[in-house]
N, C-alpha and C. Protein backbone atom coordinates (compact mmCIF):
# COMPACT_ATOMS: atom_id res chain seq x y z
N UNK A 1 112.47 86.48 117.38
CA UNK A 1 111.36 86.15 116.52
C UNK A 1 110.23 85.66 117.40
N UNK A 2 109.03 86.07 117.02
CA UNK A 2 107.84 85.68 117.77
C UNK A 2 106.67 85.60 116.79
N UNK A 3 105.85 84.58 116.95
CA UNK A 3 104.64 84.48 116.13
C UNK A 3 103.63 85.49 116.66
N UNK A 4 103.10 86.30 115.78
CA UNK A 4 102.18 87.36 116.17
C UNK A 4 101.21 87.62 115.02
N UNK A 5 99.98 88.00 115.35
CA UNK A 5 98.98 88.28 114.33
C UNK A 5 99.34 89.55 113.57
N UNK A 6 99.30 89.48 112.26
CA UNK A 6 99.53 90.64 111.40
C UNK A 6 98.19 91.04 110.79
N UNK A 7 97.78 92.26 111.05
CA UNK A 7 96.47 92.70 110.54
C UNK A 7 96.49 92.87 109.03
N UNK A 8 97.66 93.11 108.43
CA UNK A 8 97.72 93.22 106.97
C UNK A 8 97.58 91.85 106.31
N UNK A 9 98.28 90.87 106.88
CA UNK A 9 98.26 89.51 106.32
C UNK A 9 97.05 88.70 106.79
N UNK A 10 96.43 89.17 107.86
CA UNK A 10 95.25 88.52 108.45
C UNK A 10 95.54 87.09 108.93
N UNK A 11 96.74 86.92 109.51
CA UNK A 11 97.12 85.63 110.08
C UNK A 11 98.35 85.84 110.98
N UNK A 12 98.66 84.81 111.75
CA UNK A 12 99.87 84.86 112.56
C UNK A 12 101.07 84.59 111.66
N UNK A 13 102.08 85.42 111.83
CA UNK A 13 103.31 85.29 111.05
C UNK A 13 104.50 85.50 111.98
N UNK A 14 105.68 85.07 111.58
CA UNK A 14 106.86 85.33 112.39
C UNK A 14 107.22 86.82 112.33
N UNK A 15 107.25 87.45 113.48
CA UNK A 15 107.63 88.86 113.58
C UNK A 15 109.06 88.93 114.13
N UNK A 16 109.83 89.85 113.61
CA UNK A 16 111.22 90.00 114.01
C UNK A 16 111.36 90.96 115.18
N UNK A 17 112.29 90.64 116.08
CA UNK A 17 112.59 91.58 117.16
C UNK A 17 113.48 92.69 116.59
N UNK A 18 113.85 93.66 117.40
CA UNK A 18 114.59 94.82 116.90
C UNK A 18 115.95 94.44 116.30
N UNK A 19 116.68 93.54 116.93
CA UNK A 19 117.99 93.14 116.41
C UNK A 19 117.86 92.39 115.09
N UNK A 20 116.92 91.45 115.03
CA UNK A 20 116.69 90.69 113.80
C UNK A 20 116.25 91.61 112.67
N UNK A 21 115.36 92.55 113.01
CA UNK A 21 114.86 93.47 112.00
C UNK A 21 115.97 94.40 111.50
N UNK A 22 116.84 94.84 112.41
CA UNK A 22 117.95 95.71 112.00
C UNK A 22 118.83 95.01 110.96
N UNK A 23 119.11 93.74 111.17
CA UNK A 23 119.91 92.97 110.21
C UNK A 23 119.16 92.82 108.88
N UNK A 24 117.87 92.50 108.98
CA UNK A 24 117.06 92.35 107.77
C UNK A 24 116.99 93.66 107.00
N UNK A 25 116.80 94.76 107.71
CA UNK A 25 116.67 96.06 107.05
C UNK A 25 117.99 96.48 106.40
N UNK A 26 119.09 96.10 107.00
CA UNK A 26 120.40 96.38 106.40
C UNK A 26 120.52 95.66 105.07
N UNK A 27 120.14 94.39 105.04
CA UNK A 27 120.18 93.61 103.79
C UNK A 27 119.25 94.24 102.76
N UNK A 28 118.05 94.60 103.20
CA UNK A 28 117.07 95.24 102.31
C UNK A 28 117.67 96.51 101.69
N UNK A 29 118.28 97.34 102.54
CA UNK A 29 118.87 98.59 102.07
C UNK A 29 119.99 98.37 101.08
N UNK A 30 120.82 97.37 101.33
CA UNK A 30 121.91 97.06 100.40
C UNK A 30 121.37 96.63 99.04
N UNK A 31 120.36 95.77 99.07
CA UNK A 31 119.77 95.32 97.80
C UNK A 31 119.09 96.49 97.09
N UNK A 32 118.32 97.27 97.83
CA UNK A 32 117.59 98.39 97.24
C UNK A 32 118.56 99.39 96.60
N UNK A 33 119.62 99.72 97.32
CA UNK A 33 120.61 100.68 96.81
C UNK A 33 121.30 100.13 95.57
N UNK A 34 121.65 98.86 95.59
CA UNK A 34 122.31 98.25 94.45
C UNK A 34 121.41 98.25 93.22
N UNK A 35 120.16 97.88 93.41
CA UNK A 35 119.21 97.85 92.28
C UNK A 35 118.99 99.26 91.74
N UNK A 36 118.90 100.21 92.64
CA UNK A 36 118.66 101.60 92.22
C UNK A 36 119.85 102.14 91.40
N UNK A 37 121.06 101.79 91.83
CA UNK A 37 122.25 102.31 91.15
C UNK A 37 122.60 101.53 89.89
N UNK A 38 122.50 100.21 89.98
CA UNK A 38 123.02 99.37 88.90
C UNK A 38 121.96 98.60 88.13
N UNK A 39 120.73 98.62 88.58
CA UNK A 39 119.70 97.80 87.96
C UNK A 39 119.70 96.41 88.57
N UNK A 40 118.99 95.51 87.97
CA UNK A 40 118.90 94.15 88.49
C UNK A 40 120.27 93.47 88.44
N UNK A 41 120.58 92.68 89.47
CA UNK A 41 121.85 91.95 89.45
C UNK A 41 121.88 90.95 88.29
N UNK A 42 123.08 90.59 87.89
CA UNK A 42 123.25 89.62 86.81
C UNK A 42 122.51 88.33 87.15
N UNK A 43 121.72 87.86 86.22
CA UNK A 43 120.97 86.62 86.42
C UNK A 43 119.58 86.83 87.01
N UNK A 44 119.32 88.01 87.55
CA UNK A 44 117.99 88.29 88.12
C UNK A 44 117.07 88.75 87.01
N UNK A 45 115.87 88.19 87.00
CA UNK A 45 114.91 88.58 85.97
C UNK A 45 113.77 89.41 86.54
N UNK A 46 113.77 89.60 87.87
CA UNK A 46 112.71 90.37 88.50
C UNK A 46 113.22 90.97 89.81
N UNK A 47 112.45 91.88 90.37
CA UNK A 47 112.79 92.43 91.67
C UNK A 47 112.78 91.35 92.74
N UNK A 48 111.87 90.38 92.59
CA UNK A 48 111.84 89.28 93.55
C UNK A 48 113.17 88.54 93.55
N UNK A 49 113.73 88.31 92.38
CA UNK A 49 115.04 87.68 92.28
C UNK A 49 116.11 88.55 92.95
N UNK A 50 116.04 89.85 92.73
CA UNK A 50 117.03 90.77 93.29
C UNK A 50 116.98 90.76 94.82
N UNK A 51 115.79 90.62 95.38
CA UNK A 51 115.63 90.65 96.83
C UNK A 51 115.76 89.26 97.47
N UNK A 52 116.26 88.29 96.71
CA UNK A 52 116.42 86.94 97.25
C UNK A 52 117.26 86.90 98.53
N UNK A 53 118.37 87.65 98.64
CA UNK A 53 119.13 87.61 99.90
C UNK A 53 118.30 88.07 101.10
N UNK A 54 117.44 89.04 100.89
CA UNK A 54 116.56 89.55 101.94
C UNK A 54 115.53 88.49 102.33
N UNK A 55 114.89 87.89 101.31
CA UNK A 55 113.91 86.84 101.56
C UNK A 55 114.58 85.63 102.22
N UNK A 56 115.77 85.28 101.76
CA UNK A 56 116.49 84.14 102.34
C UNK A 56 116.80 84.37 103.81
N UNK A 57 117.23 85.58 104.16
CA UNK A 57 117.54 85.88 105.56
C UNK A 57 116.30 85.63 106.42
N UNK A 58 115.17 86.20 106.02
CA UNK A 58 113.93 86.06 106.78
C UNK A 58 113.48 84.59 106.83
N UNK A 59 113.50 83.93 105.70
CA UNK A 59 113.04 82.54 105.63
C UNK A 59 113.93 81.60 106.43
N UNK A 60 115.24 81.81 106.38
CA UNK A 60 116.16 80.97 107.16
C UNK A 60 116.01 81.22 108.65
N UNK A 61 115.80 82.46 109.02
CA UNK A 61 115.66 82.82 110.43
C UNK A 61 114.35 82.30 111.01
N UNK A 62 113.29 82.37 110.24
CA UNK A 62 111.96 82.06 110.76
C UNK A 62 111.43 80.68 110.37
N UNK A 63 111.96 80.09 109.33
CA UNK A 63 111.41 78.84 108.82
C UNK A 63 110.14 79.05 108.02
N UNK A 64 109.83 80.28 107.73
CA UNK A 64 108.62 80.67 107.00
C UNK A 64 108.98 80.86 105.54
N UNK A 65 108.10 80.54 104.63
CA UNK A 65 108.38 80.70 103.21
C UNK A 65 107.73 81.98 102.69
N UNK A 66 108.28 83.12 103.09
CA UNK A 66 107.76 84.41 102.63
C UNK A 66 108.26 84.66 101.21
N UNK A 67 107.38 85.15 100.36
CA UNK A 67 107.74 85.42 98.97
C UNK A 67 107.65 86.90 98.62
N UNK A 68 107.12 87.71 99.53
CA UNK A 68 106.93 89.13 99.27
C UNK A 68 107.86 89.96 100.16
N UNK A 69 108.89 90.57 99.56
CA UNK A 69 109.81 91.36 100.37
C UNK A 69 109.13 92.47 101.17
N UNK A 70 108.12 93.09 100.60
CA UNK A 70 107.44 94.18 101.29
C UNK A 70 106.73 93.72 102.56
N UNK A 71 106.26 92.50 102.59
CA UNK A 71 105.58 91.98 103.78
C UNK A 71 106.53 91.96 104.97
N UNK A 72 107.79 91.61 104.73
CA UNK A 72 108.76 91.51 105.82
C UNK A 72 108.95 92.86 106.49
N UNK A 73 108.83 93.93 105.74
CA UNK A 73 109.04 95.26 106.31
C UNK A 73 108.01 95.60 107.39
N UNK A 74 106.85 94.97 107.39
CA UNK A 74 105.89 95.22 108.47
C UNK A 74 105.78 94.04 109.43
N UNK A 75 106.71 93.13 109.37
CA UNK A 75 106.76 92.03 110.33
C UNK A 75 107.84 92.31 111.37
N UNK A 76 107.62 93.40 112.09
CA UNK A 76 108.56 93.93 113.07
C UNK A 76 107.78 94.16 114.36
N UNK A 77 108.09 93.39 115.38
CA UNK A 77 107.30 93.38 116.63
C UNK A 77 107.05 94.77 117.18
N UNK A 78 108.08 95.61 117.21
CA UNK A 78 107.94 96.88 117.93
C UNK A 78 107.06 97.91 117.23
N UNK A 79 106.63 97.67 116.00
CA UNK A 79 105.70 98.63 115.38
C UNK A 79 104.25 98.35 115.79
N UNK A 80 104.02 97.22 116.44
CA UNK A 80 102.68 96.86 116.90
C UNK A 80 102.50 97.22 118.36
N UNK A 81 101.27 97.32 118.77
CA UNK A 81 100.95 97.64 120.16
C UNK A 81 100.80 96.40 121.01
N UNK A 82 100.35 96.61 122.23
CA UNK A 82 100.14 95.49 123.14
C UNK A 82 98.97 94.63 122.69
N UNK A 83 98.81 93.45 123.26
CA UNK A 83 97.66 92.62 122.90
C UNK A 83 96.35 93.25 123.36
N UNK A 84 95.34 93.09 122.55
CA UNK A 84 94.00 93.57 122.89
C UNK A 84 93.50 92.81 124.12
N UNK A 85 92.87 93.55 125.02
CA UNK A 85 92.32 92.95 126.23
C UNK A 85 91.16 92.00 125.93
N UNK A 86 90.55 92.17 124.76
CA UNK A 86 89.38 91.37 124.41
C UNK A 86 89.74 90.13 123.58
N UNK A 87 90.51 90.32 122.49
CA UNK A 87 90.78 89.19 121.59
C UNK A 87 92.21 88.69 121.62
N UNK A 88 93.11 89.46 122.18
CA UNK A 88 94.51 89.05 122.29
C UNK A 88 95.37 89.38 121.10
N UNK A 89 94.78 89.85 120.00
CA UNK A 89 95.58 90.24 118.85
C UNK A 89 96.19 91.61 119.13
N UNK A 90 97.35 91.89 118.56
CA UNK A 90 98.00 93.17 118.88
C UNK A 90 97.27 94.35 118.26
N UNK A 91 97.34 95.46 118.98
CA UNK A 91 96.86 96.72 118.40
C UNK A 91 97.77 97.06 117.23
N UNK A 92 97.26 97.83 116.26
CA UNK A 92 98.03 98.14 115.05
C UNK A 92 99.29 98.94 115.34
N UNK A 93 99.25 99.77 116.37
CA UNK A 93 100.42 100.58 116.74
C UNK A 93 100.51 100.64 118.25
N UNK A 94 101.66 101.02 118.78
CA UNK A 94 101.77 101.16 120.23
C UNK A 94 100.83 102.23 120.80
N UNK A 95 100.43 103.21 119.99
CA UNK A 95 99.54 104.28 120.44
C UNK A 95 98.05 103.99 120.24
N UNK A 96 97.72 102.94 119.53
CA UNK A 96 96.32 102.64 119.20
C UNK A 96 95.49 102.37 120.45
N UNK A 97 94.24 102.81 120.40
CA UNK A 97 93.32 102.55 121.50
C UNK A 97 92.10 101.77 121.01
N UNK A 98 92.10 101.43 119.72
CA UNK A 98 91.00 100.71 119.10
C UNK A 98 91.57 99.47 118.43
N UNK A 99 91.02 98.31 118.73
CA UNK A 99 91.49 97.07 118.13
C UNK A 99 90.83 96.89 116.76
N UNK A 100 91.63 96.87 115.71
CA UNK A 100 91.10 96.70 114.37
C UNK A 100 90.54 95.31 114.14
N UNK A 101 91.00 94.34 114.92
CA UNK A 101 90.54 92.96 114.73
C UNK A 101 89.14 92.71 115.29
N UNK A 102 88.85 93.27 116.48
CA UNK A 102 87.55 92.96 117.11
C UNK A 102 86.72 94.19 117.46
N UNK A 103 87.30 95.38 117.29
CA UNK A 103 86.55 96.60 117.56
C UNK A 103 86.60 97.07 119.02
N UNK A 104 87.29 96.37 119.86
CA UNK A 104 87.39 96.73 121.28
C UNK A 104 88.13 98.06 121.45
N UNK A 105 87.61 98.90 122.33
CA UNK A 105 88.28 100.16 122.65
C UNK A 105 88.94 100.00 124.01
N UNK A 106 90.25 100.28 124.04
CA UNK A 106 90.98 100.13 125.30
C UNK A 106 90.63 101.28 126.23
N UNK A 107 90.80 101.03 127.50
CA UNK A 107 90.51 102.06 128.50
C UNK A 107 91.74 102.97 128.61
N UNK A 108 91.51 104.29 128.66
CA UNK A 108 92.64 105.24 128.75
C UNK A 108 93.43 105.10 130.03
């Protein structure tokens, strides 16, 4: 886990490394498959309730109080690029040459 700027959230958030994300994604997949096949689990009144195990994993691991399961799916370090040479925020992707945060164009 590493604190890193998320361009979608527009703030620094805990980003998961590959191993942490693999575990989180497994939990996500299990919940998603269960909801798709059986509907909401007993006692759950919303999808947020259904994804509580996924949110709990992320929140316990990071100490962050994330409430949106979809946000966690893009809090994965390896989908971002290196830090911008100008502002230090990560490029949106490893292939990006333009910093969405400050407009800096990296040198080829």
